[in-house]
PDB file of N, CA and C in Angstrom:
ATOM      1  N   MET A   1      27.658 -43.314 103.996  1.00  0.00           N
ATOM      2  CA  MET A   1      27.562 -41.814 104.428  1.00  0.00           C
ATOM      3  C   MET A   1      28.217 -40.831 103.059  1.00  0.00           C
ATOM      4  N   SER A   2      27.627 -39.993 102.742  1.00  0.00           N
ATOM      5  CA  SER A   2      27.897 -39.097 101.650  1.00  0.00           C
ATOM      6  C   SER A   2      29.165 -38.586 102.081  1.00  0.00           C
ATOM      7  N   ILE A   3      30.315 -38.042 101.108  1.00  0.00           N
ATOM      8  CA  ILE A   3      31.371 -37.044 101.607  1.00  0.00           C
ATOM      9  C   ILE A   3      31.337 -36.054 100.987  1.00  0.00           C
ATOM     10  N   LEU A   4      30.218 -35.755  99.915  1.00  0.00           N
ATOM     11  CA  LEU A   4      29.889 -34.410  99.280  1.00  0.00           C
ATOM     12  C   LEU A   4      28.417 -34.668  99.538  1.00  0.00           C
ATOM     13  N   SER A   5      27.575 -33.765  99.890  1.00  0.00           N
ATOM     14  CA  SER A   5      26.281 -33.587  99.807  1.00  0.00           C
ATOM     15  C   SER A   5      25.573 -31.926  99.524  1.00  0.00           C
ATOM     16  N   VAL A   6      25.021 -32.212  98.007  1.00  0.00           N
ATOM     17  CA  VAL A   6      24.558 -30.656  97.843  1.00  0.00           C
ATOM     18  C   VAL A   6      23.197 -30.703  98.054  1.00  0.00           C
ATOM     19  N   GLN A   7      22.389 -30.020  98.703  1.00  0.00           N
ATOM     20  CA  GLN A   7      21.074 -30.141  98.993  1.00  0.00           C
ATOM     21  C   GLN A   7      20.130 -28.620  98.392  1.00  0.00           C
ATOM     22  N   ASP A   8      19.525 -29.274  97.377  1.00  0.00           N
ATOM     23  CA  ASP A   8      18.424 -28.191  96.616  1.00  0.00           C
ATOM     24  C   ASP A   8      19.175 -26.868  96.285  1.00  0.00           C
ATOM     25  N   ILE A   9      20.280 -26.633  95.849  1.00  0.00           N
ATOM     26  CA  ILE A   9      21.205 -25.291  95.495  1.00  0.00           C
ATOM     27  C   ILE A   9      20.162 -24.824  94.038  1.00  0.00           C
ATOM     28  N   SER A  10      20.056 -23.502  93.972  1.00  0.00           N
ATOM     29  CA  SER A  10      19.580 -22.898  93.149  1.00  0.00           C
ATOM     30  C   SER A  10      20.336 -21.448  92.953  1.00  0.00           C
ATOM     31  N   LYS A  11      20.095 -21.180  91.544  1.00  0.00           N
ATOM     32  CA  LYS A  11      21.228 -19.689  91.218  1.00  0.00           C
ATOM     33  C   LYS A  11      19.806 -19.081  90.048  1.00  0.00           C
ATOM     34  N   SER A  12      19.647 -17.699  90.558  1.00  0.00           N
ATOM     35  CA  SER A  12      19.008 -16.928  89.427  1.00  0.00           C
ATOM     36  C   SER A  12      19.435 -15.751  88.958  1.00  0.00           C
ATOM     37  N   TYR A  13      19.470 -15.031  87.833  1.00  0.00           N
ATOM     38  CA  TYR A  13      19.843 -14.003  87.377  1.00  0.00           C
ATOM     39  C   TYR A  13      19.004 -12.989  87.056  1.00  0.00           C
ATOM     40  N   LYS A  14      18.732 -12.306  87.878  1.00  0.00           N
ATOM     41  CA  LYS A  14      17.705 -11.220  87.990  1.00  0.00           C
ATOM     42  C   LYS A  14      16.480 -12.281  87.809  1.00  0.00           C
ATOM     43  N   LEU A  15      15.355 -11.832  86.514  1.00  0.00           N
ATOM     44  CA  LEU A  15      14.252 -13.003  86.639  1.00  0.00           C
ATOM     45  C   LEU A  15      14.446 -14.424  86.091  1.00  0.00           C
ATOM     46  N   ARG A  16      15.688 -14.697  85.817  1.00  0.00           N
ATOM     47  CA  ARG A  16      15.919 -15.939  84.848  1.00  0.00           C
ATOM     48  C   ARG A  16      16.308 -16.840  85.720  1.00  0.00           C
ATOM     49  N   LYS A  17      16.030 -17.908  86.201  1.00  0.00           N
ATOM     50  CA  LYS A  17      16.449 -19.106  86.740  1.00  0.00           C
ATOM     51  C   LYS A  17      17.123 -20.182  85.802  1.00  0.00           C
ATOM     52  N   VAL A  18      18.289 -20.038  86.678  1.00  0.00           N
ATOM     53  CA  VAL A  18      19.871 -20.897  85.765  1.00  0.00           C
ATOM     54  C   VAL A  18      19.570 -22.319  86.151  1.00  0.00           C
ATOM     55  N   VAL A  19      19.842 -22.361  87.700  1.00  0.00           N
ATOM     56  CA  VAL A  19      19.878 -23.971  88.352  1.00  0.00           C
ATOM     57  C   VAL A  19      18.390 -23.752  89.375  1.00  0.00           C
ATOM     58  N   LYS A  20      17.692 -25.090  89.502  1.00  0.00           N
ATOM     59  CA  LYS A  20      16.304 -24.722  90.185  1.00  0.00           C
ATOM     60  C   LYS A  20      16.933 -26.389  90.806  1.00  0.00           C
ATOM     61  N   GLY A  21      16.655 -26.050  91.972  1.00  0.00           N
ATOM     62  CA  GLY A  21      17.112 -27.149  93.083  1.00  0.00           C
ATOM     63  C   GLY A  21      17.612 -28.820  92.847  1.00  0.00           C
ATOM     64  N   ILE A  22      19.147 -28.132  92.588  1.00  0.00           N
ATOM     65  CA  ILE A  22      20.050 -29.512  92.306  1.00  0.00           C
ATOM     66  C   ILE A  22      20.341 -30.053  93.885  1.00  0.00           C
ATOM     67  N   SER A  23      20.306 -31.237  93.835  1.00  0.00           N
ATOM     68  CA  SER A  23      20.828 -32.234  94.969  1.00  0.00           C
ATOM     69  C   SER A  23      21.541 -33.214  94.386  1.00  0.00           C
ATOM     70  N   LEU A  24      22.667 -33.579  95.157  1.00  0.00           N
ATOM     71  CA  LEU A  24      23.576 -34.590  94.852  1.00  0.00           C
ATOM     72  C   LEU A  24      23.975 -35.199  96.154  1.00  0.00           C
ATOM     73  N   GLN A  25      24.088 -36.431  96.103  1.00  0.00           N
ATOM     74  CA  GLN A  25      24.972 -37.233  97.617  1.00  0.00           C
ATOM     75  C   GLN A  25      26.047 -37.747  96.645  1.00  0.00           C
ATOM     76  N   ILE A  26      27.131 -37.859  97.087  1.00  0.00           N
ATOM     77  CA  ILE A  26      28.328 -38.553  96.829  1.00  0.00           C
ATOM     78  C   ILE A  26      29.282 -39.215  97.880  1.00  0.00           C
ATOM     79  N   THR A  27      29.347 -40.532  97.421  1.00  0.00           N
ATOM     80  CA  THR A  27      30.107 -41.249  98.464  1.00  0.00           C
ATOM     81  C   THR A  27      31.785 -41.330  98.109  1.00  0.00           C
ATOM     82  N   SER A  28      32.452 -41.738  99.019  1.00  0.00           N
ATOM     83  CA  SER A  28      33.779 -42.371  98.773  1.00  0.00           C
ATOM     84  C   SER A  28      33.793 -43.051  97.455  1.00  0.00           C
ATOM     85  N   GLY A  29      34.901 -42.832  96.323  1.00  0.00           N
ATOM     86  CA  GLY A  29      35.100 -43.526  95.505  1.00  0.00           C
ATOM     87  C   GLY A  29      34.295 -43.408  94.345  1.00  0.00           C
ATOM     88  N   GLU A  30      33.333 -42.353  94.401  1.00  0.00           N
ATOM     89  CA  GLU A  30      32.034 -42.614  93.222  1.00  0.00           C
ATOM     90  C   GLU A  30      32.728 -41.376  92.394  1.00  0.00           C
ATOM     91  N   VAL A  31      32.452 -41.451  90.831  1.00  0.00           N
ATOM     92  CA  VAL A  31      32.533 -40.709  90.125  1.00  0.00           C
ATOM     93  C   VAL A  31      31.533 -40.209  89.437  1.00  0.00           C
ATOM     94  N   VAL A  32      31.219 -38.780  89.202  1.00  0.00           N
ATOM     95  CA  VAL A  32      29.664 -38.058  88.957  1.00  0.00           C
ATOM     96  C   VAL A  32      29.874 -37.526  87.848  1.00  0.00           C
ATOM     97  N   GLY A  33      29.145 -37.554  86.952  1.00  0.00           N
ATOM     98  CA  GLY A  33      28.827 -36.524  85.777  1.00  0.00           C
ATOM     99  C   GLY A  33      27.722 -35.673  85.748  1.00  0.00           C
ATOM    100  N   LEU A  34      27.873 -34.824  85.205  1.00  0.00           N
ATOM    101  CA  LEU A  34      26.724 -33.529  85.208  1.00  0.00           C
ATOM    102  C   LEU A  34      26.472 -33.723  83.863  1.00  0.00           C
ATOM    103  N   LEU A  35      25.175 -34.109  82.992  1.00  0.00           N
ATOM    104  CA  LEU A  35      24.925 -34.111  81.942  1.00  0.00           C
ATOM    105  C   LEU A  35      23.604 -33.236  81.540  1.00  0.00           C
ATOM    106  N   GLY A  36      23.616 -32.615  80.157  1.00  0.00           N
ATOM    107  CA  GLY A  36      22.566 -31.631  79.979  1.00  0.00           C
ATOM    108  C   GLY A  36      23.206 -30.881  78.652  1.00  0.00           C
ATOM    109  N   PRO A  37      22.025 -30.541  78.087  1.00  0.00           N
ATOM    110  CA  PRO A  37      22.140 -29.859  76.771  1.00  0.00           C
ATOM    111  C   PRO A  37      22.717 -28.191  77.321  1.00  0.00           C
ATOM    112  N   ASN A  38      23.181 -27.486  76.172  1.00  0.00           N
ATOM    113  CA  ASN A  38      23.518 -26.177  76.553  1.00  0.00           C
ATOM    114  C   ASN A  38      22.799 -25.427  77.359  1.00  0.00           C
ATOM    115  N   GLY A  39      22.985 -24.835  78.227  1.00  0.00           N
ATOM    116  CA  GLY A  39      22.551 -23.783  78.792  1.00  0.00           C
ATOM    117  C   GLY A  39      21.345 -24.356  80.095  1.00  0.00           C
ATOM    118  N   ALA A  40      21.878 -25.481  80.446  1.00  0.00           N
ATOM    119  CA  ALA A  40      20.924 -26.094  81.373  1.00  0.00           C
ATOM    120  C   ALA A  40      21.572 -25.906  82.696  1.00  0.00           C
ATOM    121  N   GLY A  41      22.669 -25.157  83.063  1.00  0.00           N
ATOM    122  CA  GLY A  41      23.106 -24.760  84.267  1.00  0.00           C
ATOM    123  C   GLY A  41      24.202 -25.775  84.812  1.00  0.00           C
ATOM    124  N   LYS A  42      24.903 -26.586  83.801  1.00  0.00           N
ATOM    125  CA  LYS A  42      25.807 -27.487  84.201  1.00  0.00           C
ATOM    126  C   LYS A  42      27.251 -27.174  84.899  1.00  0.00           C
ATOM    127  N   THR A  43      27.590 -25.864  84.166  1.00  0.00           N
ATOM    128  CA  THR A  43      28.725 -25.118  84.602  1.00  0.00           C
ATOM    129  C   THR A  43      28.680 -24.438  85.721  1.00  0.00           C
ATOM    130  N   THR A  44      27.131 -23.678  85.997  1.00  0.00           N
ATOM    131  CA  THR A  44      26.576 -22.902  87.146  1.00  0.00           C
ATOM    132  C   THR A  44      26.566 -23.625  88.318  1.00  0.00           C
ATOM    133  N   ALA A  45      26.237 -25.070  88.143  1.00  0.00           N
ATOM    134  CA  ALA A  45      26.222 -25.789  89.391  1.00  0.00           C
ATOM    135  C   ALA A  45      27.479 -26.251  90.036  1.00  0.00           C
ATOM    136  N   PHE A  46      28.364 -26.317  88.894  1.00  0.00           N
ATOM    137  CA  PHE A  46      29.568 -26.968  89.337  1.00  0.00           C
ATOM    138  C   PHE A  46      30.243 -25.799  90.206  1.00  0.00           C
ATOM    139  N   TYR A  47      30.247 -24.543  89.324  1.00  0.00           N
ATOM    140  CA  TYR A  47      30.823 -23.023  89.779  1.00  0.00           C
ATOM    141  C   TYR A  47      30.238 -23.094  91.343  1.00  0.00           C
ATOM    142  N   MET A  48      29.044 -23.054  92.088  1.00  0.00           N
ATOM    143  CA  MET A  48      28.252 -23.065  93.236  1.00  0.00           C
ATOM    144  C   MET A  48      28.924 -24.104  94.284  1.00  0.00           C
ATOM    145  N   ILE A  49      29.188 -25.220  93.713  1.00  0.00           N
ATOM    146  CA  ILE A  49      29.905 -26.383  94.582  1.00  0.00           C
ATOM    147  C   ILE A  49      31.162 -26.199  94.870  1.00  0.00           C
ATOM    148  N   VAL A  50      32.059 -25.859  94.128  1.00  0.00           N
ATOM    149  CA  VAL A  50      33.451 -25.283  94.617  1.00  0.00           C
ATOM    150  C   VAL A  50      33.510 -24.008  94.849  1.00  0.00           C
ATOM    151  N   GLY A  51      32.591 -22.875  94.686  1.00  0.00           N
ATOM    152  CA  GLY A  51      32.780 -21.953  95.619  1.00  0.00           C
ATOM    153  C   GLY A  51      33.039 -20.838  94.488  1.00  0.00           C
ATOM    154  N   LEU A  52      32.860 -20.663  93.286  1.00  0.00           N
ATOM    155  CA  LEU A  52      33.240 -19.657  92.329  1.00  0.00           C
ATOM    156  C   LEU A  52      32.094 -18.373  92.317  1.00  0.00           C
ATOM    157  N   ILE A  53      30.666 -19.350  92.593  1.00  0.00           N
ATOM    158  CA  ILE A  53      29.745 -18.411  92.645  1.00  0.00           C
ATOM    159  C   ILE A  53      28.901 -18.723  93.703  1.00  0.00           C
ATOM    160  N   VAL A  54      28.136 -17.778  94.243  1.00  0.00           N
ATOM    161  CA  VAL A  54      27.210 -17.949  95.453  1.00  0.00           C
ATOM    162  C   VAL A  54      26.190 -18.503  95.181  1.00  0.00           C
ATOM    163  N   ALA A  55      25.657 -19.204  95.621  1.00  0.00           N
ATOM    164  CA  ALA A  55      24.330 -20.402  95.649  1.00  0.00           C
ATOM    165  C   ALA A  55      23.347 -19.036  95.970  1.00  0.00           C
ATOM    166  N   ASP A  56      21.889 -18.639  95.577  1.00  0.00           N
ATOM    167  CA  ASP A  56      20.660 -18.300  96.113  1.00  0.00           C
ATOM    168  C   ASP A  56      20.159 -18.933  97.392  1.00  0.00           C
ATOM    169  N   SER A  57      20.451 -20.111  97.116  1.00  0.00           N
ATOM    170  CA  SER A  57      19.463 -21.065  98.139  1.00  0.00           C
ATOM    171  C   SER A  57      20.309 -22.525  98.380  1.00  0.00           C
ATOM    172  N   GLY A  58      20.005 -23.050  99.120  1.00  0.00           N
ATOM    173  CA  GLY A  58      20.814 -24.556  99.286  1.00  0.00           C
ATOM    174  C   GLY A  58      21.498 -24.716 100.517  1.00  0.00           C
ATOM    175  N   LYS A  59      22.020 -25.977 100.238  1.00  0.00           N
ATOM    176  CA  LYS A  59      23.330 -26.363 101.352  1.00  0.00           C
ATOM    177  C   LYS A  59      24.496 -27.074 100.470  1.00  0.00           C
ATOM    178  N   ILE A  60      25.681 -26.807 100.893  1.00  0.00           N
ATOM    179  CA  ILE A  60      26.565 -27.837 100.167  1.00  0.00           C
ATOM    180  C   ILE A  60      27.448 -28.140 101.232  1.00  0.00           C
ATOM    181  N   LEU A  61      27.565 -29.450 101.632  1.00  0.00           N
ATOM    182  CA  LEU A  61      28.382 -30.024 102.964  1.00  0.00           C
ATOM    183  C   LEU A  61      29.324 -30.979 102.620  1.00  0.00           C
ATOM    184  N   LEU A  62      30.479 -31.221 103.316  1.00  0.00           N
ATOM    185  CA  LEU A  62      31.459 -31.888 102.549  1.00  0.00           C
ATOM    186  C   LEU A  62      31.806 -32.550 103.970  1.00  0.00           C
ATOM    187  N   ASP A  63      31.681 -33.643 104.163  1.00  0.00           N
ATOM    188  CA  ASP A  63      32.080 -34.412 105.651  1.00  0.00           C
ATOM    189  C   ASP A  63      31.174 -33.974 106.453  1.00  0.00           C
ATOM    190  N   GLY A  64      29.811 -33.465 106.288  1.00  0.00           N
ATOM    191  CA  GLY A  64      28.860 -33.075 107.449  1.00  0.00           C
ATOM    192  C   GLY A  64      29.281 -31.604 107.869  1.00  0.00           C
ATOM    193  N   LYS A  65      30.339 -30.692 107.046  1.00  0.00           N
ATOM    194  CA  LYS A  65      30.497 -29.358 107.640  1.00  0.00           C
ATOM    195  C   LYS A  65      29.722 -28.771 106.529  1.00  0.00           C
ATOM    196  N   ASP A  66      29.200 -27.501 106.692  1.00  0.00           N
ATOM    197  CA  ASP A  66      28.666 -26.453 105.756  1.00  0.00           C
ATOM    198  C   ASP A  66      29.137 -25.651 105.584  1.00  0.00           C
ATOM    199  N   LEU A  67      29.622 -25.837 104.051  1.00  0.00           N
ATOM    200  CA  LEU A  67      30.653 -25.170 103.082  1.00  0.00           C
ATOM    201  C   LEU A  67      29.797 -23.978 102.123  1.00  0.00           C
ATOM    202  N   THR A  68      28.589 -23.825 102.672  1.00  0.00           N
ATOM    203  CA  THR A  68      28.035 -23.093 101.658  1.00  0.00           C
ATOM    204  C   THR A  68      28.305 -21.515 101.668  1.00  0.00           C
ATOM    205  N   SER A  69      28.717 -21.062 102.783  1.00  0.00           N
ATOM    206  CA  SER A  69      28.968 -19.718 102.658  1.00  0.00           C
ATOM    207  C   SER A  69      30.793 -19.441 102.901  1.00  0.00           C
ATOM    208  N   GLN A  70      31.418 -20.581 102.585  1.00  0.00           N
ATOM    209  CA  GLN A  70      32.861 -20.449 102.552  1.00  0.00           C
ATOM    210  C   GLN A  70      33.450 -20.183 101.334  1.00  0.00           C
ATOM    211  N   PRO A  71      34.563 -19.116 101.231  1.00  0.00           N
ATOM    212  CA  PRO A  71      35.128 -18.949  99.840  1.00  0.00           C
ATOM    213  C   PRO A  71      35.890 -20.184  99.271  1.00  0.00           C
ATOM    214  N   MET A  72      36.235 -20.249  97.941  1.00  0.00           N
ATOM    215  CA  MET A  72      36.796 -21.231  97.272  1.00  0.00           C
ATOM    216  C   MET A  72      38.037 -21.423  97.972  1.00  0.00           C
ATOM    217  N   HIS A  73      38.829 -20.797  98.496  1.00  0.00           N
ATOM    218  CA  HIS A  73      40.294 -21.459  98.939  1.00  0.00           C
ATOM    219  C   HIS A  73      40.135 -22.105 100.349  1.00  0.00           C
ATOM    220  N   ARG A  74      38.748 -22.047 100.821  1.00  0.00           N
ATOM    221  CA  ARG A  74      38.721 -22.533 102.093  1.00  0.00           C
ATOM    222  C   ARG A  74      37.928 -23.934 101.749  1.00  0.00           C
ATOM    223  N   ARG A  75      37.322 -23.791 100.987  1.00  0.00           N
ATOM    224  CA  ARG A  75      36.741 -25.219 100.194  1.00  0.00           C
ATOM    225  C   ARG A  75      37.770 -25.933 100.021  1.00  0.00           C
ATOM    226  N   ALA A  76      38.526 -25.755  99.032  1.00  0.00           N
ATOM    227  CA  ALA A  76      40.211 -26.302  98.671  1.00  0.00           C
ATOM    228  C   ALA A  76      40.771 -27.121  99.888  1.00  0.00           C
ATOM    229  N   LYS A  77      41.273 -26.190 100.521  1.00  0.00           N
ATOM    230  CA  LYS A  77      41.722 -26.633 101.959  1.00  0.00           C
ATOM    231  C   LYS A  77      41.263 -27.878 102.598  1.00  0.00           C
ATOM    232  N   LEU A  78      40.125 -27.694 102.633  1.00  0.00           N
ATOM    233  CA  LEU A  78      39.027 -28.831 103.094  1.00  0.00           C
ATOM    234  C   LEU A  78      39.145 -30.376 102.197  1.00  0.00           C
ATOM    235  N   GLY A  79      39.537 -30.089 101.099  1.00  0.00           N
ATOM    236  CA  GLY A  79      39.421 -31.078 100.352  1.00  0.00           C
ATOM    237  C   GLY A  79      38.479 -31.426  99.280  1.00  0.00           C
ATOM    238  N   LEU A  80      37.933 -30.306  98.908  1.00  0.00           N
ATOM    239  CA  LEU A  80      36.927 -30.107  97.582  1.00  0.00           C
ATOM    240  C   LEU A  80      37.308 -30.182  96.612  1.00  0.00           C
TER     241      LEU A  80
END
């Protein structure tokens, strides 16, 4: 079972799609890296997962709890 599940998150600024449908499943003990060229959306994806910016679509689950609409400080208290 995954501890962190990111399901099809996306982000756009005006007409520019910055992140298009990223999904991740991370289990206990796993180490994950996001790789890609400059401008690929790595930082934006990370910011959406931790709650610094709001995803336009998709879900972020931690231990099965939906954190998608939770602010960063609540996500941190839950262990993200």
